[in-house]
C-alpha cells in the first residue's frame, strides 16, 4: 500500500522523464517524505516498540515472511509464476516461522 501514492504521482514514460536539471516539483518532495517516513521510520518504530514488549526471536522471524508475501503479491497482481523450488522454499519459510511463533518457552 505504501507505493500506491508514489505510483499515482510518478511521471509517465517519455521525454518528460528525461533529466532537465530543473528543480523537482513540490509533489515529488511530498512523495519522498511519505516513503521515507512511513516506509522506514514508522516501520522501525513499530518493530522496536513490539520488540520491547515481547519475544524478539519470534518478532524477528516475521521478517522472513517479506519475500513470501512479495512473491504472493507478484503472483496475484502481476501474474508472475513461481517454480516448484520457489514454492518449496516458501513452504519451508512459512513452516519455520509458524514453529518459531507457536512454541512455548
Protein backbone atom coordinates (compact mmCIF):
# COMPACT_ATOMS: atom_id res chain seq x y z
CA UNK A 1 0.00 0.00 0.00
CA UNK A 2 2.93 2.32 0.54
CA UNK A 3 3.67 2.51 -3.18
CA UNK A 4 0.14 3.47 -4.27
CA UNK A 5 0.57 7.25 -3.77
CA UNK A 6 4.05 7.03 -5.25
CA UNK A 7 2.76 5.30 -8.38
CA UNK A 8 -0.08 7.78 -8.76
CA UNK A 9 2.35 10.70 -8.68
CA UNK A 10 5.02 9.13 -10.87
CA UNK A 11 5.63 10.69 -14.28
CA UNK A 12 4.65 8.77 -17.37
CA UNK A 13 7.43 7.28 -19.54
CA UNK A 14 8.60 9.51 -22.35
CA UNK A 15 10.50 12.75 -22.88
CA UNK A 16 9.10 14.20 -19.65
CA UNK A 17 11.18 11.65 -17.71
CA UNK A 18 14.49 12.88 -19.08
CA UNK A 19 16.65 14.81 -16.58
CA UNK A 20 16.49 18.55 -17.23
CA UNK A 21 18.42 19.94 -14.28
CA UNK A 22 15.33 21.82 -13.14
CA UNK A 23 14.22 21.61 -9.50
CA UNK A 24 11.65 18.98 -8.67
CA UNK A 25 8.01 19.85 -8.10
CA UNK A 26 6.56 20.02 -4.59
CA UNK A 27 4.66 16.79 -5.19
CA UNK A 28 7.94 14.91 -5.57
CA UNK A 29 9.14 16.16 -2.21
CA UNK A 30 5.86 15.10 -0.60
CA UNK A 31 6.15 11.60 -2.09
CA UNK A 32 9.74 11.33 -0.90
CA UNK A 33 8.73 12.37 2.61
CA UNK A 34 5.87 9.85 2.57
CA UNK A 35 8.12 6.97 1.53
CA UNK A 36 10.87 7.98 3.94
CA UNK A 37 8.71 8.49 6.99
CA UNK A 38 6.20 5.68 6.62
CA UNK A 39 8.41 3.25 4.74
CA UNK A 40 11.31 3.34 7.15
CA UNK A 41 10.94 5.43 10.26
CA UNK A 42 7.44 4.27 11.19
CA UNK A 43 8.17 0.63 10.46
CA UNK A 44 11.33 0.68 12.59
CA UNK A 45 9.41 2.38 15.37
CA UNK A 46 6.68 -0.28 15.33
CA UNK A 47 9.30 -3.04 15.19
CA UNK A 48 11.22 -1.78 18.23
CA UNK A 49 8.05 -1.00 20.15
CA UNK A 50 6.92 -4.58 19.68
CA UNK A 51 10.42 -5.88 20.41
CA UNK A 52 10.40 -4.17 23.79
CA UNK A 53 7.07 -5.78 24.66
CA UNK A 54 7.59 -9.35 23.54
CA UNK A 55 9.85 -12.11 22.33
CA UNK A 56 12.47 -10.65 19.99
CA UNK A 57 13.18 -14.03 18.36
CA UNK A 58 9.56 -14.54 17.42
CA UNK A 59 9.25 -10.96 16.18
CA UNK A 60 12.40 -11.03 14.08
CA UNK A 61 11.34 -14.32 12.49
CA UNK A 62 8.46 -12.46 10.87
CA UNK A 63 10.93 -10.55 8.68
CA UNK A 64 11.48 -13.79 6.76
CA UNK A 65 7.90 -13.52 5.52
CA UNK A 66 8.65 -10.41 3.42
CA UNK A 67 9.83 -12.30 0.30
CA UNK A 68 7.00 -14.81 0.66
CA UNK A 69 4.37 -12.05 0.70
CA UNK A 70 6.16 -10.21 -2.13
CA UNK A 71 6.08 -13.37 -4.26
CA UNK A 72 2.40 -13.88 -3.44
CA UNK A 73 1.57 -10.29 -4.34
CA UNK A 74 3.51 -10.67 -7.59
CA UNK A 75 1.51 -13.79 -8.39
CA UNK A 76 -1.85 -12.18 -7.60
CA UNK A 77 -1.29 -8.70 -9.00
CA UNK A 78 1.14 -9.26 -11.86
CA UNK A 79 0.57 -12.86 -12.90
CA UNK A 80 4.13 -13.88 -12.05
CA UNK A 81 4.80 -17.58 -11.73
CA UNK A 82 6.80 -19.48 -9.14
CA UNK A 83 8.89 -22.56 -9.79
CA UNK A 84 8.37 -25.68 -7.68
CA UNK A 85 11.66 -24.95 -5.89
CA UNK A 86 10.45 -21.44 -5.01
CA UNK A 87 7.15 -22.81 -3.74
CA UNK A 88 9.04 -25.36 -1.63
CA UNK A 89 11.21 -22.57 -0.20
CA UNK A 90 8.14 -20.50 0.64
CA UNK A 91 6.57 -23.52 2.34
CA UNK A 92 9.68 -24.17 4.42
CA UNK A 93 9.79 -20.49 5.40
CA UNK A 94 6.12 -20.42 6.39
CA UNK A 95 6.52 -23.62 8.37
CA UNK A 96 9.62 -22.39 10.19
CA UNK A 97 8.03 -19.06 11.13
CA UNK A 98 4.94 -20.89 12.35
CA UNK A 99 7.01 -23.27 14.51
CA UNK A 100 9.06 -20.41 15.98
CA UNK A 101 5.95 -18.43 16.91
CA UNK A 102 3.93 -21.44 18.11
CA UNK A 103 6.47 -22.80 20.60
CA UNK A 104 6.06 -22.17 24.30
CA UNK A 105 9.16 -21.12 26.22
